[in-house]
């Protein structure tokens, strides 16, 4: 047996070596060793405190990601992603040129460090003056509160300002600090978390990786989050009232005052609504002293509402109202005639007609001193719609017939829009 095992030993060794090379050749054909790039692999910075000097902070000059060229068997490369690699910049290895050599490891132990090339191989940093400044915080909301409520007062529990420390170049760029709180579906006063975001003077977000944000007392804020007390106010529609002063000129009288819209939607506390007394009064009385004709005035309610600390316009409300003052000569009368009372002549049957105003027309009539007040039944009003046979918008005079002793002060017109009916199924 010994002779069989040791006989022809050289030939047996040669066979073994040839078998190894055949196996190696077959392996390289079936699973070749190739190189592949993995881009935008994040750099992890460690031991940053070791290079931070008093009143100075570190800033990254180069990109904070690298590209890796990995050489390994193809079947192994196919299992790897950028998350398979950990690239580390150890600040204890900072050079005099302000660069830090990078090291890399792979989650697959078959891929050793010498099979990975890092591009670039170092991280460029700079030490910059550290600065700390105080900034006011603006609160914004996302979402919609429950029906019938409006966000009223919002206050940050930690104070109205924050202190931000970081590189001088970044601090000098800051234009605004915003706390965003979600109020979706809330129906009562609540204390809610709000995430802080920093914006530069152009309104663009600022990276907060190198910033420390503290409250007004200097306490570091966890996760850059503050707590906000949100107060909900109820909504109400409040009528608007106007005071009028003075007397029109001789021979004229004040025929009426109207406000459009005649109410405003407000949000506020119960105490604020009680202080209004049920109406919102315009600050200044409207003077009609010596007036000889009608006029209109626009009023902005913003300043009036600002007098109440716990009252505001609801978000969608228009702060502007229009006050119309109607001045008539003595003996003038304004009557409202519904459109249904008009005699319509030559109305086209193949057109859709829309009228403006849509409900009634105002007719101003002057009577001599001996005539009794005119009644609507004494007025005959008609309109000829023959021009509406074609599509378009027309301003058509209304014919007004009055009894003896009365005259029409001004012409009455209707705006009529004519359109062809839409035929179902037509393309």
Protein backbone atom coordinates (compact mmCIF):
# COMPACT_ATOMS: atom_id res chain seq x y z
CA UNK A 1 0.00 0.00 0.00
CA UNK A 2 2.81 2.40 0.88
CA UNK A 3 4.44 1.72 -2.43
CA UNK A 4 1.20 2.52 -4.30
CA UNK A 5 0.79 5.83 -2.45
CA UNK A 6 4.37 7.02 -2.95
CA UNK A 7 4.91 5.63 -6.40
CA UNK A 8 5.00 8.13 -9.28
CA UNK A 9 4.83 11.02 -6.73
CA UNK A 10 6.00 13.63 -9.23
CA UNK A 11 3.33 12.66 -11.73
CA UNK A 12 0.65 12.86 -9.07
CA UNK A 13 1.78 16.39 -7.99
CA UNK A 14 1.75 17.53 -11.59
CA UNK A 15 -1.81 16.23 -11.99
CA UNK A 16 -2.91 18.12 -8.90
CA UNK A 17 -1.39 21.39 -10.12
CA UNK A 18 -2.99 20.99 -13.54
CA UNK A 19 -6.40 20.34 -11.91
CA UNK A 20 -6.07 23.57 -9.87
CA UNK A 21 -5.31 25.65 -12.94
CA UNK A 22 -8.20 24.06 -14.86
CA UNK A 23 -10.54 24.91 -11.94
CA UNK A 24 -9.21 28.49 -11.83
CA UNK A 25 -9.73 28.88 -15.60
CA UNK A 26 -13.28 27.55 -15.46
CA UNK A 27 -14.11 29.81 -12.48
CA UNK A 28 -12.88 32.92 -14.29
CA UNK A 29 -14.90 32.07 -17.36
CA UNK A 30 -18.13 31.40 -15.45
CA UNK A 31 -17.67 34.13 -12.77
CA UNK A 32 -15.10 36.67 -13.96
CA UNK A 33 -13.54 39.32 -11.73
CA UNK A 34 -14.74 42.75 -12.87
CA UNK A 35 -14.85 46.37 -11.61
CA UNK A 36 -17.96 48.44 -10.95
CA UNK A 37 -18.60 52.04 -9.84
CA UNK A 38 -20.87 52.90 -6.88
CA UNK A 39 -21.67 56.63 -6.93
CA UNK A 40 -22.80 59.13 -4.25
CA UNK A 41 -21.75 57.06 -1.25
CA UNK A 42 -22.20 59.23 1.86
CA UNK A 43 -19.15 60.16 3.96
CA UNK A 44 -19.52 59.58 7.72
CA UNK A 45 -17.58 62.07 9.85
CA UNK A 46 -16.31 60.89 13.24
CA UNK A 47 -14.34 62.51 16.07
CA UNK A 48 -15.35 65.97 14.92
CA UNK A 49 -14.79 67.38 18.41
CA UNK A 50 -11.09 66.60 18.14
CA UNK A 51 -10.55 69.34 15.53
CA UNK A 52 -13.04 71.91 16.77
CA UNK A 53 -11.29 74.84 18.33
CA UNK A 54 -12.86 77.36 20.69
CA UNK A 55 -15.22 79.67 18.76
CA UNK A 56 -14.45 77.81 15.52
CA UNK A 57 -16.41 75.19 13.58
CA UNK A 58 -15.65 72.83 10.76
CA UNK A 59 -17.14 73.21 7.32
CA UNK A 60 -16.93 70.81 4.35
CA UNK A 61 -15.39 72.35 1.23
CA UNK A 62 -15.56 69.35 -1.11
CA UNK A 63 -18.57 67.09 -1.77
CA UNK A 64 -19.81 65.00 1.16
CA UNK A 65 -20.15 61.93 -1.07
CA UNK A 66 -17.63 59.84 -3.02
CA UNK A 67 -17.53 57.33 -5.87
CA UNK A 68 -16.21 53.82 -5.20
CA UNK A 69 -14.55 51.56 -7.81
CA UNK A 70 -14.93 48.01 -6.52
CA UNK A 71 -13.14 44.97 -8.05
CA UNK A 72 -14.60 41.56 -7.17
CA UNK A 73 -16.17 38.48 -8.73
CA UNK A 74 -19.27 39.38 -10.68
CA UNK A 75 -21.62 37.27 -8.58
CA UNK A 76 -20.52 39.19 -5.46
CA UNK A 77 -20.82 42.61 -7.12
CA UNK A 78 -24.38 41.80 -8.13
CA UNK A 79 -25.34 41.60 -4.44
CA UNK A 80 -23.89 45.02 -3.51
CA UNK A 81 -25.44 48.50 -3.40
CA UNK A 82 -24.09 51.86 -2.22
CA UNK A 83 -25.54 51.04 1.21
CA UNK A 84 -23.17 48.06 1.40
CA UNK A 85 -20.25 50.45 1.99
CA UNK A 86 -19.28 52.65 4.92
CA UNK A 87 -16.94 55.54 4.12
CA UNK A 88 -15.38 57.22 7.15
CA UNK A 89 -13.53 60.53 7.59
CA UNK A 90 -11.78 60.48 11.00
CA UNK A 91 -11.10 64.08 12.04
CA UNK A 92 -8.25 62.90 14.25
CA UNK A 93 -6.35 62.35 10.96
CA UNK A 94 -6.77 65.95 9.74
CA UNK A 95 -3.64 67.06 7.85
CA UNK A 96 -1.97 70.46 7.72
CA UNK A 97 -3.58 70.89 4.30
CA UNK A 98 -7.03 70.62 5.93
CA UNK A 99 -7.73 67.28 4.25
CA UNK A 100 -8.84 64.05 5.89
CA UNK A 101 -7.95 60.64 4.36
CA UNK A 102 -10.97 58.42 3.81
CA UNK A 103 -11.34 54.76 4.71
CA UNK A 104 -13.97 52.29 3.54
CA UNK A 105 -15.39 48.95 4.62
CA UNK A 106 -17.88 46.65 2.91
CA UNK A 107 -20.65 44.70 4.61
CA UNK A 108 -19.57 41.66 2.57
CA UNK A 109 -16.27 40.45 4.10
CA UNK A 110 -15.25 38.92 0.75
CA UNK A 111 -14.66 42.48 -0.48
CA UNK A 112 -11.60 43.74 1.37
CA UNK A 113 -10.42 47.36 1.56
CA UNK A 114 -7.61 46.77 -0.94
CA UNK A 115 -10.24 45.87 -3.59
CA UNK A 116 -11.94 49.27 -3.24
CA UNK A 117 -10.72 52.57 -4.73
CA UNK A 118 -12.15 55.80 -3.25
CA UNK A 119 -12.64 58.76 -5.62
CA UNK A 120 -11.59 61.24 -4.30
CA UNK A 121 -9.51 59.64 -1.59
CA UNK A 122 -9.76 62.52 0.92
CA UNK A 123 -12.24 65.04 2.30
CA UNK A 124 -11.45 68.76 2.06
CA UNK A 125 -12.53 70.79 5.10
CA UNK A 126 -12.00 74.25 6.54
CA UNK A 127 -12.11 75.71 10.03
CA UNK A 128 -14.36 78.75 10.15
CA UNK A 129 -15.18 81.33 12.79
CA UNK A 130 -18.14 80.24 14.92
CA UNK A 131 -20.96 82.75 15.38
CA UNK A 132 -24.18 82.77 17.36
CA UNK A 133 -27.17 85.03 16.70
CA UNK A 134 -30.77 85.36 17.83
CA UNK A 135 -33.65 85.07 15.35
CA UNK A 136 -37.42 85.58 15.64
CA UNK A 137 -39.51 82.53 14.79
CA UNK A 138 -42.45 82.71 12.39
CA UNK A 139 -45.21 80.13 12.96
CA UNK A 140 -47.01 78.59 9.98
CA UNK A 141 -49.65 75.86 9.86
CA UNK A 142 -50.49 72.94 7.61
CA UNK A 143 -53.84 71.20 7.35
CA UNK A 144 -57.39 72.35 8.14
CA UNK A 145 -58.96 72.56 11.59
CA UNK A 146 -62.44 71.19 12.31
CA UNK A 147 -65.45 72.83 10.65
CA UNK A 148 -66.60 76.05 12.32
CA UNK A 149 -63.20 76.93 13.79
CA UNK A 150 -60.21 79.03 12.80
CA UNK A 151 -56.67 79.06 14.15
CA UNK A 152 -56.54 82.05 16.46
CA UNK A 153 -53.47 82.69 18.58
CA UNK A 154 -50.28 80.62 18.34
CA UNK A 155 -47.40 80.91 20.82
CA UNK A 156 -44.14 78.98 21.04
CA UNK A 157 -43.72 77.56 24.54
CA UNK A 158 -39.93 78.01 24.49
CA UNK A 159 -40.21 81.70 23.52
CA UNK A 160 -40.58 83.85 20.43
CA UNK A 161 -36.90 83.63 19.45
CA UNK A 162 -34.19 81.00 19.02
CA UNK A 163 -30.42 81.20 19.14
CA UNK A 164 -28.53 79.62 16.26
CA UNK A 165 -24.80 78.81 16.37
CA UNK A 166 -22.77 77.72 13.36
CA UNK A 167 -20.25 78.79 10.71
CA UNK A 168 -20.14 82.55 10.27
CA UNK A 169 -20.82 82.32 6.54
CA UNK A 170 -24.02 80.32 7.18
CA UNK A 171 -25.28 82.49 10.06
CA UNK A 172 -24.88 85.64 7.94
CA UNK A 173 -27.07 84.09 5.20
CA UNK A 174 -30.04 83.33 7.46
CA UNK A 175 -33.11 85.39 6.65
CA UNK A 176 -35.96 83.59 8.42
CA UNK A 177 -36.68 80.80 10.88
CA UNK A 178 -40.05 79.07 10.48
CA UNK A 179 -41.86 76.68 12.82
CA UNK A 180 -44.42 74.56 10.95
CA UNK A 181 -47.21 72.96 12.99
CA UNK A 182 -49.88 70.57 11.70
CA UNK A 183 -53.39 71.52 12.86
CA UNK A 184 -55.32 69.03 10.75
CA UNK A 185 -58.78 68.19 12.19
CA UNK A 186 -58.16 69.63 15.68
CA UNK A 187 -61.30 70.99 17.38
CA UNK A 188 -59.91 72.33 20.66
CA UNK A 189 -56.93 74.25 22.04
CA UNK A 190 -53.82 72.06 21.92
CA UNK A 191 -50.06 72.05 22.46
CA UNK A 192 -48.43 70.62 19.33
CA UNK A 193 -44.86 69.98 18.11
CA UNK A 194 -43.49 72.15 15.32
CA UNK A 195 -40.41 71.44 13.22
CA UNK A 196 -38.01 74.34 12.67
CA UNK A 197 -36.65 75.14 9.23
CA UNK A 198 -34.08 77.83 8.42
CA UNK A 199 -34.23 79.85 5.17
CA UNK A 200 -31.69 82.21 3.64
CA UNK A 201 -32.36 85.78 2.55
CA UNK A 202 -33.50 84.51 -0.87
CA UNK A 203 -36.10 82.21 0.70
CA UNK A 204 -34.16 79.01 -0.02
CA UNK A 205 -33.79 76.29 2.68
CA UNK A 206 -30.50 76.25 4.59
CA UNK A 207 -28.87 72.92 5.47
CA UNK A 208 -29.03 72.49 9.23
CA UNK A 209 -26.32 69.80 9.47
CA UNK A 210 -23.75 72.26 10.88
CA UNK A 211 -26.13 74.37 12.95
CA UNK A 212 -26.99 74.22 16.64
CA UNK A 213 -30.42 75.61 17.50
CA UNK A 214 -31.22 76.61 21.07
CA UNK A 215 -34.19 78.27 22.73
CA UNK A 216 -34.02 81.82 24.03
CA UNK A 217 -32.43 80.59 27.28
CA UNK A 218 -29.69 78.65 25.50
CA UNK A 219 -31.11 75.13 25.91
CA UNK A 220 -30.37 72.94 22.88
CA UNK A 221 -33.58 71.96 21.07
CA UNK A 222 -34.01 68.25 20.53
CA UNK A 223 -34.49 67.39 16.83
CA UNK A 224 -34.87 71.15 16.13
CA UNK A 225 -38.44 70.96 17.41
CA UNK A 226 -40.42 73.44 19.51
CA UNK A 227 -43.83 73.14 21.15
CA UNK A 228 -46.60 75.51 20.05
CA UNK A 229 -49.78 76.38 21.98
CA UNK A 230 -52.56 76.62 19.38
CA UNK A 231 -55.82 78.39 20.33
CA UNK A 232 -58.92 77.82 18.22
CA UNK A 233 -61.48 80.59 17.69
CA UNK A 234 -65.07 80.20 16.57
CA UNK A 235 -66.35 81.73 13.33
CA UNK A 236 -69.30 84.13 13.16
CA UNK A 237 -70.89 86.32 10.49
CA UNK A 238 -71.16 89.86 11.91
CA UNK A 239 -73.38 92.60 10.36
CA UNK A 240 -71.68 95.87 9.39
CA UNK A 241 -73.19 99.19 10.48
CA UNK A 242 -72.50 102.74 9.28
CA UNK A 243 -73.08 106.10 10.95
CA UNK A 244 -74.09 109.05 8.75
CA UNK A 245 -73.56 112.70 9.69
CA UNK A 246 -74.56 116.01 8.11
CA UNK A 247 -77.44 117.18 5.94
CA UNK A 248 -77.65 117.13 2.11
CA UNK A 249 -77.96 120.41 0.21
CA UNK A 250 -81.30 122.24 0.01
CA UNK A 251 -83.69 120.40 -2.24
CA UNK A 252 -81.95 117.04 -1.68
CA UNK A 253 -82.41 114.23 0.80
CA UNK A 254 -80.68 111.07 1.99
CA UNK A 255 -82.56 108.23 0.32
CA UNK A 256 -80.58 105.35 1.81
CA UNK A 257 -77.24 103.81 2.78
CA UNK A 258 -76.19 100.26 1.90
CA UNK A 259 -73.05 98.19 2.59
CA UNK A 260 -71.81 95.48 0.20
CA UNK A 261 -71.24 92.93 1.61
CA UNK A 262 -73.48 93.77 4.56
CA UNK A 263 -71.65 91.36 6.91
CA UNK A 264 -68.15 90.04 7.50
CA UNK A 265 -66.92 86.61 8.58
CA UNK A 266 -64.80 86.88 11.72
CA UNK A 267 -63.05 84.45 14.04
CA UNK A 268 -62.55 85.26 17.70
CA UNK A 269 -63.08 84.42 21.33
CA UNK A 270 -66.45 84.58 23.03
CA UNK A 271 -65.36 87.68 24.95
CA UNK A 272 -64.31 89.46 21.73
CA UNK A 273 -67.67 88.83 20.07
CA UNK A 274 -69.45 90.10 23.20
CA UNK A 275 -67.44 93.34 23.04
CA UNK A 276 -68.72 93.92 19.48
CA UNK A 277 -72.30 93.99 20.67
CA UNK A 278 -73.50 92.02 17.66
CA UNK A 279 -72.33 94.45 14.95
CA UNK A 280 -69.12 95.83 13.50
CA UNK A 281 -69.30 99.63 13.32
CA UNK A 282 -67.16 101.52 10.83
CA UNK A 283 -64.78 103.88 12.62
CA UNK A 284 -65.71 107.13 10.89
CA UNK A 285 -69.17 108.50 10.26
CA UNK A 286 -69.94 109.16 6.60
CA UNK A 287 -70.65 112.82 5.96
CA UNK A 288 -73.46 113.81 3.57
CA UNK A 289 -73.16 117.50 4.40
CA UNK A 290 -74.11 119.55 1.31
CA UNK A 291 -74.31 116.45 -0.91
CA UNK A 292 -76.19 116.78 -4.21
CA UNK A 293 -75.54 113.36 -5.74
CA UNK A 294 -75.07 109.73 -4.75
CA UNK A 295 -71.58 108.40 -4.05
CA UNK A 296 -69.71 105.25 -2.95
CA UNK A 297 -66.78 104.75 -0.58
CA UNK A 298 -64.50 101.73 -0.05
CA UNK A 299 -63.48 100.81 3.50
CA UNK A 300 -60.73 98.46 4.64
CA UNK A 301 -61.83 96.65 7.80
CA UNK A 302 -58.31 95.60 8.76
CA UNK A 303 -57.61 98.53 11.09
CA UNK A 304 -61.04 98.29 12.72
CA UNK A 305 -60.63 94.58 13.48
CA UNK A 306 -57.06 95.14 14.72
CA UNK A 307 -58.49 97.15 17.64
CA UNK A 308 -59.69 93.83 19.10
CA UNK A 309 -56.83 91.65 20.32
CA UNK A 310 -58.75 88.38 20.04
CA UNK A 311 -60.58 88.95 16.76
CA UNK A 312 -59.55 88.50 13.13
CA UNK A 313 -60.90 88.03 9.63
CA UNK A 314 -61.26 84.41 8.61
CA UNK A 315 -58.63 83.39 6.10
CA UNK A 316 -60.84 83.60 3.01
CA UNK A 317 -62.62 86.87 3.92
CA UNK A 318 -62.14 90.04 1.86
CA UNK A 319 -61.32 92.98 4.18
CA UNK A 320 -62.82 95.57 1.81
CA UNK A 321 -66.49 96.65 1.84
CA UNK A 322 -68.25 99.25 -0.30
CA UNK A 323 -70.65 101.79 1.21
CA UNK A 324 -73.20 103.27 -1.22
CA UNK A 325 -74.92 106.54 -0.21
CA UNK A 326 -78.00 107.45 -2.24
CA UNK A 327 -78.83 111.16 -2.50
CA UNK A 328 -82.06 112.20 -4.21
CA UNK A 329 -83.68 115.50 -5.05
CA UNK A 330 -86.72 116.29 -3.00
CA UNK A 331 -89.60 114.69 -4.81
CA UNK A 332 -87.44 111.84 -6.17
CA UNK A 333 -88.41 108.30 -5.39
CA UNK A 334 -86.53 105.05 -6.04
CA UNK A 335 -88.65 102.01 -6.76
CA UNK A 336 -87.46 98.43 -7.19
CA UNK A 337 -89.27 96.65 -10.03
CA UNK A 338 -88.83 92.87 -10.26
CA UNK A 339 -87.81 91.52 -13.65
CA UNK A 340 -90.94 89.37 -13.62
CA UNK A 341 -92.98 92.60 -13.92
CA UNK A 342 -91.28 93.62 -17.18
CA UNK A 343 -93.16 93.26 -20.44
CA UNK A 344 -90.77 91.33 -22.70
CA UNK A 345 -90.98 91.97 -26.45
CA UNK A 346 -89.46 89.93 -29.29
CA UNK A 347 -87.71 87.40 -27.07
CA UNK A 348 -85.85 84.85 -29.26
CA UNK A 349 -87.00 81.28 -28.59
CA UNK A 350 -83.76 79.59 -29.67
CA UNK A 351 -81.37 81.43 -27.27
CA UNK A 352 -80.54 81.19 -23.57
CA UNK A 353 -80.66 84.63 -21.93
CA UNK A 354 -78.95 85.78 -18.72
CA UNK A 355 -79.87 89.15 -17.17
CA UNK A 356 -77.84 91.51 -14.99
CA UNK A 357 -79.12 92.54 -12.55
CA UNK A 358 -80.80 89.16 -12.24
CA UNK A 359 -83.63 89.99 -9.83
CA UNK A 360 -84.84 93.59 -10.07
CA UNK A 361 -84.16 97.01 -11.57
CA UNK A 362 -84.05 100.33 -9.70
CA UNK A 363 -86.09 103.19 -11.18
CA UNK A 364 -85.56 106.75 -9.91
CA UNK A 365 -88.65 108.92 -10.49
CA UNK A 366 -89.16 112.64 -9.88
CA UNK A 367 -92.59 114.00 -9.01
CA UNK A 368 -93.76 117.62 -8.85
CA UNK A 369 -94.90 119.00 -5.54
CA UNK A 370 -98.59 118.28 -6.21
CA UNK A 371 -98.22 114.59 -7.14
CA UNK A 372 -98.86 111.87 -4.63
CA UNK A 373 -96.14 109.22 -4.04
CA UNK A 374 -96.10 106.89 -7.05
CA UNK A 375 -96.84 103.17 -6.67
CA UNK A 376 -95.18 100.34 -8.57
CA UNK A 377 -98.50 99.37 -10.12
CA UNK A 378 -98.59 102.78 -11.87
CA UNK A 379 -95.38 102.07 -13.80
CA UNK A 380 -95.33 100.22 -17.12
CA UNK A 381 -91.87 98.81 -17.94
CA UNK A 382 -90.97 96.91 -21.12
CA UNK A 383 -87.84 95.69 -22.91
CA UNK A 384 -87.26 94.74 -26.57
CA UNK A 385 -84.98 91.68 -26.88
CA UNK A 386 -84.88 91.46 -30.68
CA UNK A 387 -81.13 92.21 -30.71
CA UNK A 388 -80.56 89.01 -28.73
CA UNK A 389 -81.25 86.85 -31.79
CA UNK A 390 -77.46 86.55 -32.14
CA UNK A 391 -75.00 85.43 -29.47
CA UNK A 392 -73.38 88.24 -27.52
CA UNK A 393 -73.72 90.62 -24.58
CA UNK A 394 -75.99 93.62 -24.98
CA UNK A 395 -76.83 96.69 -22.87
CA UNK A 396 -80.52 97.24 -23.62
CA UNK A 397 -82.57 100.24 -22.42
CA UNK A 398 -85.74 99.55 -20.47
CA UNK A 399 -88.75 101.57 -21.64
CA UNK A 400 -90.48 103.20 -18.65
CA UNK A 401 -93.99 104.71 -19.00
CA UNK A 402 -95.09 107.00 -16.14
CA UNK A 403 -98.38 108.74 -15.30
CA UNK A 404 -98.70 112.49 -15.70
CA UNK A 405 -96.81 114.52 -13.12
CA UNK A 406 -93.81 112.13 -12.97
CA UNK A 407 -90.56 112.08 -14.88
CA UNK A 408 -87.73 109.54 -15.13
CA UNK A 409 -84.55 110.88 -13.50
CA UNK A 410 -82.11 108.59 -15.31
CA UNK A 411 -82.23 105.97 -18.04
CA UNK A 412 -82.66 102.35 -16.91
CA UNK A 413 -80.69 99.60 -18.68
CA UNK A 414 -80.38 95.82 -18.48
CA UNK A 415 -77.30 93.82 -19.51
CA UNK A 416 -78.39 90.70 -21.39
CA UNK A 417 -76.11 87.86 -22.46
CA UNK A 418 -77.41 85.59 -25.24
CA UNK A 419 -75.96 82.11 -25.84
CA UNK A 420 -77.06 79.17 -27.91
CA UNK A 421 -78.35 76.12 -26.01
CA UNK A 422 -75.93 73.18 -25.66
CA UNK A 423 -77.22 70.18 -27.63
CA UNK A 424 -76.64 66.89 -25.81
CA UNK A 425 -74.47 64.47 -27.72
CA UNK A 426 -73.02 67.20 -29.96
CA UNK A 427 -69.26 67.07 -30.41
